[in-house]
Amino acid sequence: MRSSVYSVVSVALVAVVGSGCSLITSSDCVSIGVPGIQISVLDKRINQIPSGTVVTVTDGDYRETLTLSGGVYTGAAERPGSYSIVVEAPGYARWTRENVRVVRSGSCKYLQRVTLSSELQPNG
């Protein structure tokens, strides 16, 4: 009797997993606030963030100036999209990236953070 119960459970588990269904339901997921974009900005010559740096992300009509926290700029919290990123600082060439994709994935559809590095070049 015991081995037949294990067989039934094993077959059911294989059927669920094999069908692409997840054993994790939305009630198993917790709400977390994840920034969609994280970017470090440095002038490599002095190994510092240039004074007056402004990092802006846009996605269609959405526009946000990222906040500096712990030495990195973060933003686009819990917001998937396709972003244009502009980093500007007085005395430096503008740094841009286009079509930076922030997506949700996995059973809980958590936001997958995009991490970038910007090395600003002095004007000259």
Protein backbone atom coordinates (compact mmCIF):
# COMPACT_ATOMS: atom_id res chain seq x y z
CA MET A 1 0.00 0.00 0.00
CA ARG A 2 2.76 2.45 0.96
CA SER A 3 4.71 1.99 -2.30
CA SER A 4 1.56 2.52 -4.39
CA VAL A 5 0.89 5.83 -2.56
CA TYR A 6 4.46 6.93 -3.32
CA SER A 7 4.00 5.90 -6.95
CA VAL A 8 0.80 7.94 -7.27
CA VAL A 9 2.45 10.98 -5.66
CA SER A 10 5.52 10.58 -7.88
CA VAL A 11 3.41 10.31 -11.03
CA ALA A 12 1.35 13.36 -10.03
CA LEU A 13 4.49 15.37 -9.30
CA VAL A 14 6.05 14.42 -12.65
CA ALA A 15 2.80 15.32 -14.43
CA VAL A 16 2.64 18.77 -12.79
CA VAL A 17 6.32 19.60 -13.33
CA GLY A 18 6.37 18.10 -16.81
CA SER A 19 3.35 20.13 -17.87
CA GLY A 20 5.17 23.38 -17.15
CA CYS A 21 3.01 24.18 -14.14
CA SER A 22 4.71 25.64 -11.15
CA LEU A 23 4.22 24.36 -7.64
CA ILE A 24 4.55 27.95 -6.44
CA THR A 25 1.30 29.89 -6.38
CA SER A 26 0.82 33.63 -6.12
CA SER A 27 -0.03 33.18 -2.43
CA ASP A 28 3.51 31.79 -1.92
CA CYS A 29 5.09 34.97 -3.30
CA VAL A 30 5.95 37.93 -1.10
CA SER A 31 5.77 41.55 -2.14
CA ILE A 32 9.23 43.07 -2.46
CA GLY A 33 10.23 46.45 -3.81
CA VAL A 34 13.02 45.98 -6.33
CA PRO A 35 14.61 48.82 -8.28
CA GLY A 36 14.51 47.94 -11.96
CA ILE A 37 17.70 49.84 -12.74
CA GLN A 38 20.88 50.21 -10.74
CA ILE A 39 23.79 52.15 -12.18
CA SER A 40 27.22 53.04 -10.84
CA VAL A 41 28.77 56.25 -12.16
CA LEU A 42 32.49 57.02 -11.91
CA ASP A 43 35.22 59.20 -13.24
CA LYS A 44 37.93 56.52 -13.34
CA ARG A 45 40.71 59.10 -13.16
CA ILE A 46 39.70 60.10 -9.64
CA ASN A 47 37.65 56.98 -8.79
CA GLN A 48 34.71 59.11 -7.64
CA ILE A 49 31.20 60.03 -8.68
CA PRO A 50 31.47 63.41 -10.42
CA SER A 51 29.86 66.27 -8.50
CA GLY A 52 26.47 67.26 -9.88
CA THR A 53 25.76 63.91 -11.58
CA VAL A 54 22.17 63.45 -12.71
CA VAL A 55 20.87 60.08 -13.95
CA THR A 56 17.55 60.11 -15.79
CA VAL A 57 15.54 57.17 -17.15
CA THR A 58 12.61 57.39 -19.54
CA ASP A 59 10.15 54.85 -20.91
CA GLY A 60 7.56 56.48 -23.17
CA ASP A 61 5.88 59.20 -21.09
CA TYR A 62 7.46 57.93 -17.87
CA ARG A 63 10.48 59.91 -16.64
CA GLU A 64 12.43 59.53 -13.41
CA THR A 65 15.59 61.05 -11.96
CA LEU A 66 17.34 58.23 -10.12
CA THR A 67 18.38 58.57 -6.49
CA LEU A 68 21.90 58.02 -5.19
CA SER A 69 22.08 55.50 -2.36
CA GLY A 70 25.09 53.53 -1.19
CA GLY A 71 27.23 54.76 -4.07
CA VAL A 72 24.82 53.70 -6.83
CA TYR A 73 21.86 55.31 -8.55
CA THR A 74 18.63 53.30 -8.37
CA GLY A 75 15.11 53.69 -9.67
CA ALA A 76 12.28 52.37 -11.81
CA ALA A 77 11.11 50.44 -8.74
CA GLU A 78 8.76 47.58 -9.63
CA ARG A 79 8.36 49.00 -13.13
CA PRO A 80 9.19 46.79 -16.11
CA GLY A 81 9.81 48.58 -19.38
CA SER A 82 12.24 49.55 -22.12
CA TYR A 83 14.31 52.46 -20.88
CA SER A 84 16.56 55.15 -22.23
CA ILE A 85 19.19 56.17 -19.69
CA VAL A 86 21.10 59.45 -19.65
CA VAL A 87 23.94 60.27 -17.25
CA GLU A 88 25.08 63.89 -17.14
CA ALA A 89 27.58 65.78 -15.02
CA PRO A 90 29.08 69.26 -15.45
CA GLY A 91 32.38 69.06 -17.34
CA TYR A 92 31.74 65.53 -18.66
CA ALA A 93 30.48 64.05 -21.91
CA ARG A 94 26.93 62.75 -21.75
CA TRP A 95 26.60 58.94 -21.35
CA THR A 96 23.53 57.23 -22.83
CA ARG A 97 22.04 53.77 -23.26
CA GLU A 98 18.92 52.93 -25.25
CA ASN A 99 16.44 50.05 -25.05
CA VAL A 100 17.51 48.84 -21.61
CA ARG A 101 14.94 46.11 -20.91
CA VAL A 102 13.65 45.56 -17.38
CA VAL A 103 11.47 42.45 -17.13
CA ARG A 104 9.67 40.25 -14.65
CA SER A 105 10.42 36.53 -14.55
CA GLY A 106 10.06 33.37 -12.52
CA SER A 107 7.03 31.93 -10.83
CA CYS A 108 6.53 35.01 -8.66
CA LYS A 109 7.16 37.42 -11.56
CA TYR A 110 9.75 39.35 -9.59
CA LEU A 111 11.42 42.27 -11.32
CA GLN A 112 14.89 41.38 -12.62
CA ARG A 113 17.20 44.29 -11.84
CA VAL A 114 19.46 45.61 -14.60
CA THR A 115 22.88 46.68 -13.29
CA LEU A 116 25.02 49.02 -15.37
CA SER A 117 28.28 50.96 -15.01
CA SER A 118 28.95 54.37 -16.50
CA GLU A 119 32.49 55.68 -16.79
CA LEU A 120 32.18 59.36 -17.55
CA GLN A 121 34.76 60.99 -19.76
CA PRO A 122 35.81 64.60 -19.15
CA ASN A 123 34.98 67.10 -21.89
CA GLY A 124 38.02 68.15 -23.72
